[in-house]
Amino acid sequence: MPLLRSLTGPVLGERGEGVGMLELERITARRNELDTLAEELAKQLAEVQAEREELVIAERVLHRLAEQDRAVQEAAAAVAPTAARVAGRAVLLIPHRGGTGDEAALPAD
């Protein structure tokens, strides 16, 4: 008799539906749920990647600003007078000025 059932169609459940049809509906519903979830995750991933790219750019800008600040400080330190002692007295050593020196290179009174 099982051979006859397989030739005539699916075995009917209590409600007259094929058992295979119920499983197919469940599979289809679950696949639809997973498709929706995959779309949401793809959208979140795109947002995360965009924000990460922005952070990489911000990090580069901050590194450049830090390098520029360090260069400005080094240049200022090279030009700024330094304290020293001559004959037991505190004095400021004024760096050698080139031909284009101005009053800004001198210490304040």
PDB file of N, CA and C in Angstrom:
ATOM      1  N   MET A   1       0.793  -1.199   0.000  1.00  0.00           N
ATOM      2  CA  MET A   1       0.000   0.000   0.000  1.00  0.00           C
ATOM      3  C   MET A   1       0.847   1.280   0.000  1.00  0.00           C
ATOM      4  N   PRO A   2       2.037   1.345   0.633  1.00  0.00           N
ATOM      5  CA  PRO A   2       2.835   2.559   0.588  1.00  0.00           C
ATOM      6  C   PRO A   2       3.174   2.969  -0.831  1.00  0.00           C
ATOM      7  N   LEU A   3       3.410   2.032  -1.720  1.00  0.00           N
ATOM      8  CA  LEU A   3       3.723   2.365  -3.098  1.00  0.00           C
ATOM      9  C   LEU A   3       2.535   3.052  -3.749  1.00  0.00           C
ATOM     10  N   LEU A   4       1.361   2.579  -3.450  1.00  0.00           N
ATOM     11  CA  LEU A   4       0.154   3.179  -3.999  1.00  0.00           C
ATOM     12  C   LEU A   4      -0.015   4.603  -3.504  1.00  0.00           C
ATOM     13  N   ARG A   5       0.259   4.851  -2.229  1.00  0.00           N
ATOM     14  CA  ARG A   5       0.149   6.211  -1.672  1.00  0.00           C
ATOM     15  C   ARG A   5       1.132   7.148  -2.359  1.00  0.00           C
ATOM     16  N   SER A   6       2.370   6.694  -2.586  1.00  0.00           N
ATOM     17  CA  SER A   6       3.354   7.561  -3.208  1.00  0.00           C
ATOM     18  C   SER A   6       2.979   7.886  -4.648  1.00  0.00           C
ATOM     19  N   LEU A   7       2.262   6.993  -5.291  1.00  0.00           N
ATOM     20  CA  LEU A   7       1.859   7.252  -6.671  1.00  0.00           C
ATOM     21  C   LEU A   7       0.633   8.140  -6.750  1.00  0.00           C
ATOM     22  N   THR A   8      -0.203   8.097  -5.728  1.00  0.00           N
ATOM     23  CA  THR A   8      -1.451   8.850  -5.793  1.00  0.00           C
ATOM     24  C   THR A   8      -1.330  10.237  -5.188  1.00  0.00           C
ATOM     25  N   GLY A   9      -0.242  10.563  -4.502  1.00  0.00           N
ATOM     26  CA  GLY A   9      -0.078  11.899  -3.934  1.00  0.00           C
ATOM     27  C   GLY A   9       0.306  11.832  -2.479  1.00  0.00           C
ATOM     28  N   PRO A  10       0.393  12.995  -1.818  1.00  0.00           N
ATOM     29  CA  PRO A  10       0.835  13.053  -0.431  1.00  0.00           C
ATOM     30  C   PRO A  10      -0.219  12.482   0.516  1.00  0.00           C
ATOM     31  N   VAL A  11       0.269  12.050   1.672  1.00  0.00           N
ATOM     32  CA  VAL A  11      -0.629  11.566   2.715  1.00  0.00           C
ATOM     33  C   VAL A  11      -1.309  12.776   3.305  1.00  0.00           C
ATOM     34  N   LEU A  12      -2.605  12.727   3.470  1.00  0.00           N
ATOM     35  CA  LEU A  12      -3.359  13.848   3.987  1.00  0.00           C
ATOM     36  C   LEU A  12      -3.328  13.853   5.502  1.00  0.00           C
ATOM     37  N   GLY A  13      -3.204  15.044   6.080  1.00  0.00           N
ATOM     38  CA  GLY A  13      -3.231  15.181   7.531  1.00  0.00           C
ATOM     39  C   GLY A  13      -4.659  15.264   8.016  1.00  0.00           C
ATOM     40  N   GLU A  14      -4.831  15.628   9.308  1.00  0.00           N
ATOM     41  CA  GLU A  14      -6.163  15.683   9.916  1.00  0.00           C
ATOM     42  C   GLU A  14      -7.038  16.738   9.242  1.00  0.00           C
ATOM     43  N   ARG A  15      -6.437  17.842   8.792  1.00  0.00           N
ATOM     44  CA  ARG A  15      -7.232  18.913   8.189  1.00  0.00           C
ATOM     45  C   ARG A  15      -7.357  18.740   6.688  1.00  0.00           C
ATOM     46  N   GLY A  16      -6.882  17.643   6.182  1.00  0.00           N
ATOM     47  CA  GLY A  16      -7.005  17.396   4.754  1.00  0.00           C
ATOM     48  C   GLY A  16      -5.865  17.984   3.953  1.00  0.00           C
ATOM     49  N   GLU A  17      -4.862  18.571   4.639  1.00  0.00           N
ATOM     50  CA  GLU A  17      -3.714  19.143   3.928  1.00  0.00           C
ATOM     51  C   GLU A  17      -2.629  18.095   3.826  1.00  0.00           C
ATOM     52  N   GLY A  18      -1.806  18.221   2.834  1.00  0.00           N
ATOM     53  CA  GLY A  18      -0.675  17.311   2.707  1.00  0.00           C
ATOM     54  C   GLY A  18       0.367  17.633   3.771  1.00  0.00           C
ATOM     55  N   VAL A  19       0.936  16.608   4.382  1.00  0.00           N
ATOM     56  CA  VAL A  19       1.953  16.812   5.405  1.00  0.00           C
ATOM     57  C   VAL A  19       3.144  17.565   4.815  1.00  0.00           C
ATOM     58  N   GLY A  20       3.517  17.256   3.629  1.00  0.00           N
ATOM     59  CA  GLY A  20       4.631  17.940   2.978  1.00  0.00           C
ATOM     60  C   GLY A  20       4.354  19.424   2.760  1.00  0.00           C
ATOM     61  N   MET A  21       3.116  19.793   2.549  1.00  0.00           N
ATOM     62  CA  MET A  21       2.745  21.194   2.323  1.00  0.00           C
ATOM     63  C   MET A  21       2.951  22.019   3.586  1.00  0.00           C
ATOM     64  N   LEU A  22       2.646  21.456   4.755  1.00  0.00           N
ATOM     65  CA  LEU A  22       2.851  22.179   6.007  1.00  0.00           C
ATOM     66  C   LEU A  22       4.333  22.472   6.216  1.00  0.00           C
ATOM     67  N   GLU A  23       5.153  21.471   5.962  1.00  0.00           N
ATOM     68  CA  GLU A  23       6.588  21.656   6.105  1.00  0.00           C
ATOM     69  C   GLU A  23       7.109  22.673   5.096  1.00  0.00           C
ATOM     70  N   LEU A  24       6.600  22.626   3.895  1.00  0.00           N
ATOM     71  CA  LEU A  24       7.012  23.579   2.867  1.00  0.00           C
ATOM     72  C   LEU A  24       6.638  24.998   3.274  1.00  0.00           C
ATOM     73  N   GLU A  25       5.475  25.187   3.855  1.00  0.00           N
ATOM     74  CA  GLU A  25       5.056  26.514   4.315  1.00  0.00           C
ATOM     75  C   GLU A  25       5.965  27.003   5.431  1.00  0.00           C
ATOM     76  N   ARG A  26       6.307  26.121   6.353  1.00  0.00           N
ATOM     77  CA  ARG A  26       7.208  26.499   7.453  1.00  0.00           C
ATOM     78  C   ARG A  26       8.585  26.878   6.905  1.00  0.00           C
ATOM     79  N   ILE A  27       9.064  26.111   5.977  1.00  0.00           N
ATOM     80  CA  ILE A  27      10.374  26.398   5.380  1.00  0.00           C
ATOM     81  C   ILE A  27      10.345  27.739   4.669  1.00  0.00           C
ATOM     82  N   THR A  28       9.296  27.981   3.905  1.00  0.00           N
ATOM     83  CA  THR A  28       9.173  29.241   3.165  1.00  0.00           C
ATOM     84  C   THR A  28       9.090  30.421   4.123  1.00  0.00           C
ATOM     85  N   ALA A  29       8.303  30.278   5.192  1.00  0.00           N
ATOM     86  CA  ALA A  29       8.166  31.352   6.180  1.00  0.00           C
ATOM     87  C   ALA A  29       9.507  31.639   6.845  1.00  0.00           C
ATOM     88  N   ARG A  30      10.216  30.584   7.226  1.00  0.00           N
ATOM     89  CA  ARG A  30      11.520  30.774   7.882  1.00  0.00           C
ATOM     90  C   ARG A  30      12.524  31.404   6.921  1.00  0.00           C
ATOM     91  N   ARG A  31      12.499  30.982   5.669  1.00  0.00           N
ATOM     92  CA  ARG A  31      13.403  31.571   4.685  1.00  0.00           C
ATOM     93  C   ARG A  31      13.109  33.060   4.526  1.00  0.00           C
ATOM     94  N   ASN A  32      11.832  33.428   4.517  1.00  0.00           N
ATOM     95  CA  ASN A  32      11.460  34.840   4.413  1.00  0.00           C
ATOM     96  C   ASN A  32      11.955  35.631   5.627  1.00  0.00           C
ATOM     97  N   GLU A  33      11.833  35.039   6.818  1.00  0.00           N
ATOM     98  CA  GLU A  33      12.349  35.686   8.024  1.00  0.00           C
ATOM     99  C   GLU A  33      13.851  35.914   7.908  1.00  0.00           C
ATOM    100  N   LEU A  34      14.555  34.893   7.457  1.00  0.00           N
ATOM    101  CA  LEU A  34      16.009  35.000   7.328  1.00  0.00           C
ATOM    102  C   LEU A  34      16.405  36.003   6.254  1.00  0.00           C
ATOM    103  N   ASP A  35      15.638  36.082   5.167  1.00  0.00           N
ATOM    104  CA  ASP A  35      15.912  37.075   4.127  1.00  0.00           C
ATOM    105  C   ASP A  35      15.773  38.488   4.685  1.00  0.00           C
ATOM    106  N   THR A  36      14.724  38.705   5.481  1.00  0.00           N
ATOM    107  CA  THR A  36      14.502  40.015   6.092  1.00  0.00           C
ATOM    108  C   THR A  36      15.646  40.347   7.051  1.00  0.00           C
ATOM    109  N   LEU A  37      16.029  39.371   7.857  1.00  0.00           N
ATOM    110  CA  LEU A  37      17.138  39.574   8.783  1.00  0.00           C
ATOM    111  C   LEU A  37      18.435  39.867   8.034  1.00  0.00           C
ATOM    112  N   ALA A  38      18.680  39.154   6.955  1.00  0.00           N
ATOM    113  CA  ALA A  38      19.889  39.378   6.156  1.00  0.00           C
ATOM    114  C   ALA A  38      19.912  40.793   5.588  1.00  0.00           C
ATOM    115  N   GLU A  39      18.767  41.299   5.145  1.00  0.00           N
ATOM    116  CA  GLU A  39      18.688  42.662   4.628  1.00  0.00           C
ATOM    117  C   GLU A  39      18.997  43.674   5.723  1.00  0.00           C
ATOM    118  N   GLU A  40      18.428  43.458   6.923  1.00  0.00           N
ATOM    119  CA  GLU A  40      18.683  44.365   8.042  1.00  0.00           C
ATOM    120  C   GLU A  40      20.160  44.354   8.424  1.00  0.00           C
ATOM    121  N   LEU A  41      20.747  43.168   8.474  1.00  0.00           N
ATOM    122  CA  LEU A  41      22.158  43.058   8.827  1.00  0.00           C
ATOM    123  C   LEU A  41      23.054  43.700   7.774  1.00  0.00           C
ATOM    124  N   ALA A  42      22.690  43.548   6.514  1.00  0.00           N
ATOM    125  CA  ALA A  42      23.464  44.170   5.436  1.00  0.00           C
ATOM    126  C   ALA A  42      23.420  45.697   5.573  1.00  0.00           C
ATOM    127  N   LYS A  43      22.249  46.220   5.925  1.00  0.00           N
ATOM    128  CA  LYS A  43      22.108  47.663   6.113  1.00  0.00           C
ATOM    129  C   LYS A  43      22.957  48.122   7.300  1.00  0.00           C
ATOM    130  N   GLN A  44      22.904  47.384   8.414  1.00  0.00           N
ATOM    131  CA  GLN A  44      23.712  47.733   9.579  1.00  0.00           C
ATOM    132  C   GLN A  44      25.202  47.652   9.258  1.00  0.00           C
ATOM    133  N   LEU A  45      25.598  46.632   8.519  1.00  0.00           N
ATOM    134  CA  LEU A  45      27.001  46.480   8.138  1.00  0.00           C
ATOM    135  C   LEU A  45      27.461  47.663   7.291  1.00  0.00           C
ATOM    136  N   ALA A  46      26.631  48.100   6.368  1.00  0.00           N
ATOM    137  CA  ALA A  46      26.983  49.247   5.529  1.00  0.00           C
ATOM    138  C   ALA A  46      27.154  50.504   6.389  1.00  0.00           C
ATOM    139  N   GLU A  47      26.267  50.686   7.369  1.00  0.00           N
ATOM    140  CA  GLU A  47      26.374  51.838   8.260  1.00  0.00           C
ATOM    141  C   GLU A  47      27.650  51.767   9.099  1.00  0.00           C
ATOM    142  N   VAL A  48      27.968  50.592   9.599  1.00  0.00           N
ATOM    143  CA  VAL A  48      29.175  50.411  10.397  1.00  0.00           C
ATOM    144  C   VAL A  48      30.415  50.686   9.550  1.00  0.00           C
ATOM    145  N   GLN A  49      30.438  50.179   8.335  1.00  0.00           N
ATOM    146  CA  GLN A  49      31.593  50.398   7.459  1.00  0.00           C
ATOM    147  C   GLN A  49      31.760  51.878   7.131  1.00  0.00           C
ATOM    148  N   ALA A  50      30.649  52.581   6.894  1.00  0.00           N
ATOM    149  CA  ALA A  50      30.726  54.016   6.596  1.00  0.00           C
ATOM    150  C   ALA A  50      31.275  54.784   7.802  1.00  0.00           C
ATOM    151  N   GLU A  51      30.785  54.458   8.998  1.00  0.00           N
ATOM    152  CA  GLU A  51      31.274  55.138  10.198  1.00  0.00           C
ATOM    153  C   GLU A  51      32.748  54.821  10.437  1.00  0.00           C
ATOM    154  N   ARG A  52      33.132  53.584  10.191  1.00  0.00           N
ATOM    155  CA  ARG A  52      34.533  53.187  10.380  1.00  0.00           C
ATOM    156  C   ARG A  52      35.441  53.959   9.420  1.00  0.00           C
ATOM    157  N   GLU A  53      35.001  54.134   8.172  1.00  0.00           N
ATOM    158  CA  GLU A  53      35.785  54.902   7.209  1.00  0.00           C
ATOM    159  C   GLU A  53      35.937  56.352   7.668  1.00  0.00           C
ATOM    160  N   GLU A  54      34.864  56.920   8.240  1.00  0.00           N
ATOM    161  CA  GLU A  54      34.932  58.285   8.755  1.00  0.00           C
ATOM    162  C   GLU A  54      35.935  58.377   9.907  1.00  0.00           C
ATOM    163  N   LEU A  55      35.947  57.358  10.775  1.00  0.00           N
ATOM    164  CA  LEU A  55      36.883  57.354  11.890  1.00  0.00           C
ATOM    165  C   LEU A  55      38.331  57.224  11.414  1.00  0.00           C
ATOM    166  N   VAL A  56      38.550  56.455  10.366  1.00  0.00           N
ATOM    167  CA  VAL A  56      39.905  56.322   9.808  1.00  0.00           C
ATOM    168  C   VAL A  56      40.369  57.684   9.292  1.00  0.00           C
ATOM    169  N   ILE A  57      39.486  58.401   8.616  1.00  0.00           N
ATOM    170  CA  ILE A  57      39.832  59.730   8.097  1.00  0.00           C
ATOM    171  C   ILE A  57      40.104  60.690   9.256  1.00  0.00           C
ATOM    172  N   ALA A  58      39.252  60.661  10.279  1.00  0.00           N
ATOM    173  CA  ALA A  58      39.452  61.533  11.442  1.00  0.00           C
ATOM    174  C   ALA A  58      40.776  61.227  12.131  1.00  0.00           C
ATOM    175  N   GLU A  59      41.110  59.953  12.210  1.00  0.00           N
ATOM    176  CA  GLU A  59      42.373  59.555  12.822  1.00  0.00           C
ATOM    177  C   GLU A  59      43.560  60.108  12.023  1.00  0.00           C
ATOM    178  N   ARG A  60      43.487  60.031  10.707  1.00  0.00           N
ATOM    179  CA  ARG A  60      44.560  60.576   9.868  1.00  0.00           C
ATOM    180  C   ARG A  60      44.709  62.081  10.076  1.00  0.00           C
ATOM    181  N   VAL A  61      43.569  62.783  10.131  1.00  0.00           N
ATOM    182  CA  VAL A  61      43.609  64.232  10.328  1.00  0.00           C
ATOM    183  C   VAL A  61      44.254  64.560  11.675  1.00  0.00           C
ATOM    184  N   LEU A  62      43.883  63.833  12.723  1.00  0.00           N
ATOM    185  CA  LEU A  62      44.457  64.091  14.041  1.00  0.00           C
ATOM    186  C   LEU A  62      45.955  63.811  14.067  1.00  0.00           C
ATOM    187  N   HIS A  63      46.391  62.767  13.371  1.00  0.00           N
ATOM    188  CA  HIS A  63      47.832  62.486  13.294  1.00  0.00           C
ATOM    189  C   HIS A  63      48.566  63.623  12.586  1.00  0.00           C
ATOM    190  N   ARG A  64      47.994  64.124  11.504  1.00  0.00           N
ATOM    191  CA  ARG A  64      48.621  65.236  10.777  1.00  0.00           C
ATOM    192  C   ARG A  64      48.679  66.491  11.637  1.00  0.00           C
ATOM    193  N   LEU A  65      47.574  66.778  12.342  1.00  0.00           N
ATOM    194  CA  LEU A  65      47.566  67.954  13.218  1.00  0.00           C
ATOM    195  C   LEU A  65      48.598  67.817  14.331  1.00  0.00           C
ATOM    196  N   ALA A  66      48.722  66.613  14.888  1.00  0.00           N
ATOM    197  CA  ALA A  66      49.718  66.386  15.942  1.00  0.00           C
ATOM    198  C   ALA A  66      51.128  66.578  15.395  1.00  0.00           C
ATOM    199  N   GLU A  67      51.385  66.096  14.168  1.00  0.00           N
ATOM    200  CA  GLU A  67      52.695  66.279  13.551  1.00  0.00           C
ATOM    201  C   GLU A  67      52.986  67.762  13.321  1.00  0.00           C
ATOM    202  N   GLN A  68      51.983  68.499  12.838  1.00  0.00           N
ATOM    203  CA  GLN A  68      52.167  69.930  12.609  1.00  0.00           C
ATOM    204  C   GLN A  68      52.419  70.654  13.925  1.00  0.00           C
ATOM    205  N   ASP A  69      51.672  70.290  14.955  1.00  0.00           N
ATOM    206  CA  ASP A  69      51.844  70.919  16.264  1.00  0.00           C
ATOM    207  C   ASP A  69      53.239  70.635  16.809  1.00  0.00           C
ATOM    208  N   ARG A  70      53.692  69.390  16.650  1.00  0.00           N
ATOM    209  CA  ARG A  70      55.032  69.017  17.107  1.00  0.00           C
ATOM    210  C   ARG A  70      56.096  69.816  16.344  1.00  0.00           C
ATOM    211  N   ALA A  71      55.899  69.983  15.044  1.00  0.00           N
ATOM    212  CA  ALA A  71      56.856  70.750  14.236  1.00  0.00           C
ATOM    213  C   ALA A  71      56.882  72.209  14.671  1.00  0.00           C
ATOM    214  N   VAL A  72      55.718  72.781  14.955  1.00  0.00           N
ATOM    215  CA  VAL A  72      55.651  74.176  15.413  1.00  0.00           C
ATOM    216  C   VAL A  72      56.347  74.312  16.760  1.00  0.00           C
ATOM    217  N   GLN A  73      56.116  73.365  17.668  1.00  0.00           N
ATOM    218  CA  GLN A  73      56.762  73.420  18.976  1.00  0.00           C
ATOM    219  C   GLN A  73      58.278  73.275  18.863  1.00  0.00           C
ATOM    220  N   GLU A  74      58.727  72.383  17.989  1.00  0.00           N
ATOM    221  CA  GLU A  74      60.166  72.205  17.793  1.00  0.00           C
ATOM    222  C   GLU A  74      60.785  73.470  17.209  1.00  0.00           C
ATOM    223  N   ALA A  75      60.096  74.093  16.267  1.00  0.00           N
ATOM    224  CA  ALA A  75      60.606  75.332  15.669  1.00  0.00           C
ATOM    225  C   ALA A  75      60.652  76.441  16.710  1.00  0.00           C
ATOM    226  N   ALA A  76      59.625  76.523  17.548  1.00  0.00           N
ATOM    227  CA  ALA A  76      59.591  77.543  18.591  1.00  0.00           C
ATOM    228  C   ALA A  76      60.691  77.296  19.619  1.00  0.00           C
ATOM    229  N   ALA A  77      60.929  76.027  19.938  1.00  0.00           N
ATOM    230  CA  ALA A  77      61.976  75.703  20.910  1.00  0.00           C
ATOM    231  C   ALA A  77      63.351  76.030  20.352  1.00  0.00           C
ATOM    232  N   ALA A  78      63.530  75.867  19.055  1.00  0.00           N
ATOM    233  CA  ALA A  78      64.821  76.157  18.444  1.00  0.00           C
ATOM    234  C   ALA A  78      65.102  77.654  18.433  1.00  0.00           C
ATOM    235  N   VAL A  79      64.044  78.470  18.374  1.00  0.00           N
ATOM    236  CA  VAL A  79      64.198  79.916  18.291  1.00  0.00           C
ATOM    237  C   VAL A  79      64.139  80.559  19.667  1.00  0.00           C
ATOM    238  N   ALA A  80      63.445  79.949  20.603  1.00  0.00           N
ATOM    239  CA  ALA A  80      63.235  80.552  21.915  1.00  0.00           C
ATOM    240  C   ALA A  80      64.541  80.624  22.690  1.00  0.00           C
ATOM    241  N   PRO A  81      64.704  81.693  23.432  1.00  0.00           N
ATOM    242  CA  PRO A  81      65.885  81.816  24.264  1.00  0.00           C
ATOM    243  C   PRO A  81      65.864  80.759  25.370  1.00  0.00           C
ATOM    244  N   THR A  82      67.032  80.319  25.777  1.00  0.00           N
ATOM    245  CA  THR A  82      67.121  79.327  26.836  1.00  0.00           C
ATOM    246  C   THR A  82      67.813  79.938  28.041  1.00  0.00           C
ATOM    247  N   ALA A  83      67.440  79.478  29.214  1.00  0.00           N
ATOM    248  CA  ALA A  83      68.039  79.991  30.445  1.00  0.00           C
ATOM    249  C   ALA A  83      69.407  79.361  30.647  1.00  0.00           C
ATOM    250  N   ALA A  84      70.333  80.168  31.174  1.00  0.00           N
ATOM    251  CA  ALA A  84      71.679  79.672  31.481  1.00  0.00           C
ATOM    252  C   ALA A  84      72.229  80.480  32.648  1.00  0.00           C
ATOM    253  N   ARG A  85      73.397  80.099  33.118  1.00  0.00           N
ATOM    254  CA  ARG A  85      74.057  80.843  34.208  1.00  0.00           C
ATOM    255  C   ARG A  85      75.423  81.313  33.705  1.00  0.00           C
ATOM    256  N   VAL A  86      75.661  82.573  33.912  1.00  0.00           N
ATOM    257  CA  VAL A  86      76.956  83.159  33.574  1.00  0.00           C
ATOM    258  C   VAL A  86      77.450  83.882  34.825  1.00  0.00           C
ATOM    259  N   ALA A  87      78.609  83.489  35.298  1.00  0.00           N
ATOM    260  CA  ALA A  87      79.201  84.085  36.511  1.00  0.00           C
ATOM    261  C   ALA A  87      78.223  84.012  37.676  1.00  0.00           C
ATOM    262  N   GLY A  88      77.453  82.912  37.763  1.00  0.00           N
ATOM    263  CA  GLY A  88      76.552  82.707  38.882  1.00  0.00           C
ATOM    264  C   GLY A  88      75.229  83.438  38.757  1.00  0.00           C
ATOM    265  N   ARG A  89      75.040  84.137  37.677  1.00  0.00           N
ATOM    266  CA  ARG A  89      73.787  84.888  37.491  1.00  0.00           C
ATOM    267  C   ARG A  89      72.964  84.237  36.394  1.00  0.00           C
ATOM    268  N   ALA A  90      71.646  84.245  36.567  1.00  0.00           N
ATOM    269  CA  ALA A  90      70.750  83.689  35.556  1.00  0.00           C
ATOM    270  C   ALA A  90      70.644  84.662  34.391  1.00  0.00           C
ATOM    271  N   VAL A  91      70.848  84.150  33.200  1.00  0.00           N
ATOM    272  CA  VAL A  91      70.728  84.954  31.985  1.00  0.00           C
ATOM    273  C   VAL A  91      69.975  84.150  30.934  1.00  0.00           C
ATOM    274  N   LEU A  92      69.475  84.826  29.938  1.00  0.00           N
ATOM    275  CA  LEU A  92      68.822  84.163  28.810  1.00  0.00           C
ATOM    276  C   LEU A  92      69.785  84.167  27.635  1.00  0.00           C
ATOM    277  N   LEU A  93      69.983  82.998  27.066  1.00  0.00           N
ATOM    278  CA  LEU A  93      70.796  82.908  25.864  1.00  0.00           C
ATOM    279  C   LEU A  93      69.906  83.176  24.671  1.00  0.00           C
ATOM    280  N   ILE A  94      70.267  84.141  23.888  1.00  0.00           N
ATOM    281  CA  ILE A  94      69.471  84.497  22.723  1.00  0.00           C
ATOM    282  C   ILE A  94      70.110  83.837  21.521  1.00  0.00           C
ATOM    283  N   PRO A  95      69.306  83.075  20.750  1.00  0.00           N
ATOM    284  CA  PRO A  95      69.885  82.376  19.607  1.00  0.00           C
ATOM    285  C   PRO A  95      70.390  83.346  18.547  1.00  0.00           C
ATOM    286  N   HIS A  96      71.323  82.859  17.742  1.00  0.00           N
ATOM    287  CA  HIS A  96      71.875  83.664  16.658  1.00  0.00           C
ATOM    288  C   HIS A  96      70.761  84.015  15.679  1.00  0.00           C
ATOM    289  N   ARG A  97      70.729  85.279  15.312  1.00  0.00           N
ATOM    290  CA  ARG A  97      69.719  85.722  14.364  1.00  0.00           C
ATOM    291  C   ARG A  97      70.345  85.874  12.993  1.00  0.00           C
ATOM    292  N   GLY A  98      69.548  85.486  12.017  1.00  0.00           N
ATOM    293  CA  GLY A  98      70.006  85.681  10.637  1.00  0.00           C
ATOM    294  C   GLY A  98      69.697  87.092  10.203  1.00  0.00           C
ATOM    295  N   GLY A  99      69.874  87.341   8.940  1.00  0.00           N
ATOM    296  CA  GLY A  99      69.636  88.654   8.379  1.00  0.00           C
ATOM    297  C   GLY A  99      68.164  89.043   8.371  1.00  0.00           C
ATOM    298  N   THR A 100      67.265  88.089   8.536  1.00  0.00           N
ATOM    299  CA  THR A 100      65.841  88.379   8.468  1.00  0.00           C
ATOM    300  C   THR A 100      65.191  88.344   9.852  1.00  0.00           C
ATOM    301  N   GLY A 101      65.971  88.496  10.910  1.00  0.00           N
ATOM    302  CA  GLY A 101      65.425  88.450  12.278  1.00  0.00           C
ATOM    303  C   GLY A 101      64.534  89.627  12.559  1.00  0.00           C
ATOM    304  N   ASP A 102      63.608  89.471  13.475  1.00  0.00           N
ATOM    305  CA  ASP A 102      62.751  90.565  13.870  1.00  0.00           C
ATOM    306  C   ASP A 102      62.638  90.576  15.397  1.00  0.00           C
ATOM    307  N   GLU A 103      61.941  91.511  15.943  1.00  0.00           N
ATOM    308  CA  GLU A 103      61.833  91.644  17.379  1.00  0.00           C
ATOM    309  C   GLU A 103      61.107  90.478  18.032  1.00  0.00           C
ATOM    310  N   ALA A 104      60.322  89.721  17.286  1.00  0.00           N
ATOM    311  CA  ALA A 104      59.566  88.606  17.840  1.00  0.00           C
ATOM    312  C   ALA A 104      60.492  87.501  18.350  1.00  0.00           C
ATOM    313  N   ALA A 105      61.719  87.450  17.843  1.00  0.00           N
ATOM    314  CA  ALA A 105      62.668  86.432  18.260  1.00  0.00           C
ATOM    315  C   ALA A 105      63.260  86.746  19.626  1.00  0.00           C
ATOM    316  N   LEU A 106      63.154  88.009  20.069  1.00  0.00           N
ATOM    317  CA  LEU A 106      63.698  88.409  21.356  1.00  0.00           C
ATOM    318  C   LEU A 106      62.719  88.101  22.478  1.00  0.00           C
ATOM    319  N   PRO A 107      63.236  87.800  23.686  1.00  0.00           N
ATOM    320  CA  PRO A 107      62.336  87.540  24.815  1.00  0.00           C
ATOM    321  C   PRO A 107      61.634  88.812  25.250  1.00  0.00           C
ATOM    322  N   ALA A 108      60.477  88.639  25.904  1.00  0.00           N
ATOM    323  CA  ALA A 108      59.748  89.797  26.416  1.00  0.00           C
ATOM    324  C   ALA A 108      60.534  90.395  27.585  1.00  0.00           C
ATOM    325  N   ASP A 109      60.296  91.676  27.858  1.00  0.00           N
ATOM    326  CA  ASP A 109      60.992  92.324  28.974  1.00  0.00           C
ATOM    327  C   ASP A 109      60.632  91.721  30.290  1.00  0.00           C
TER     328      ASP A 109
END
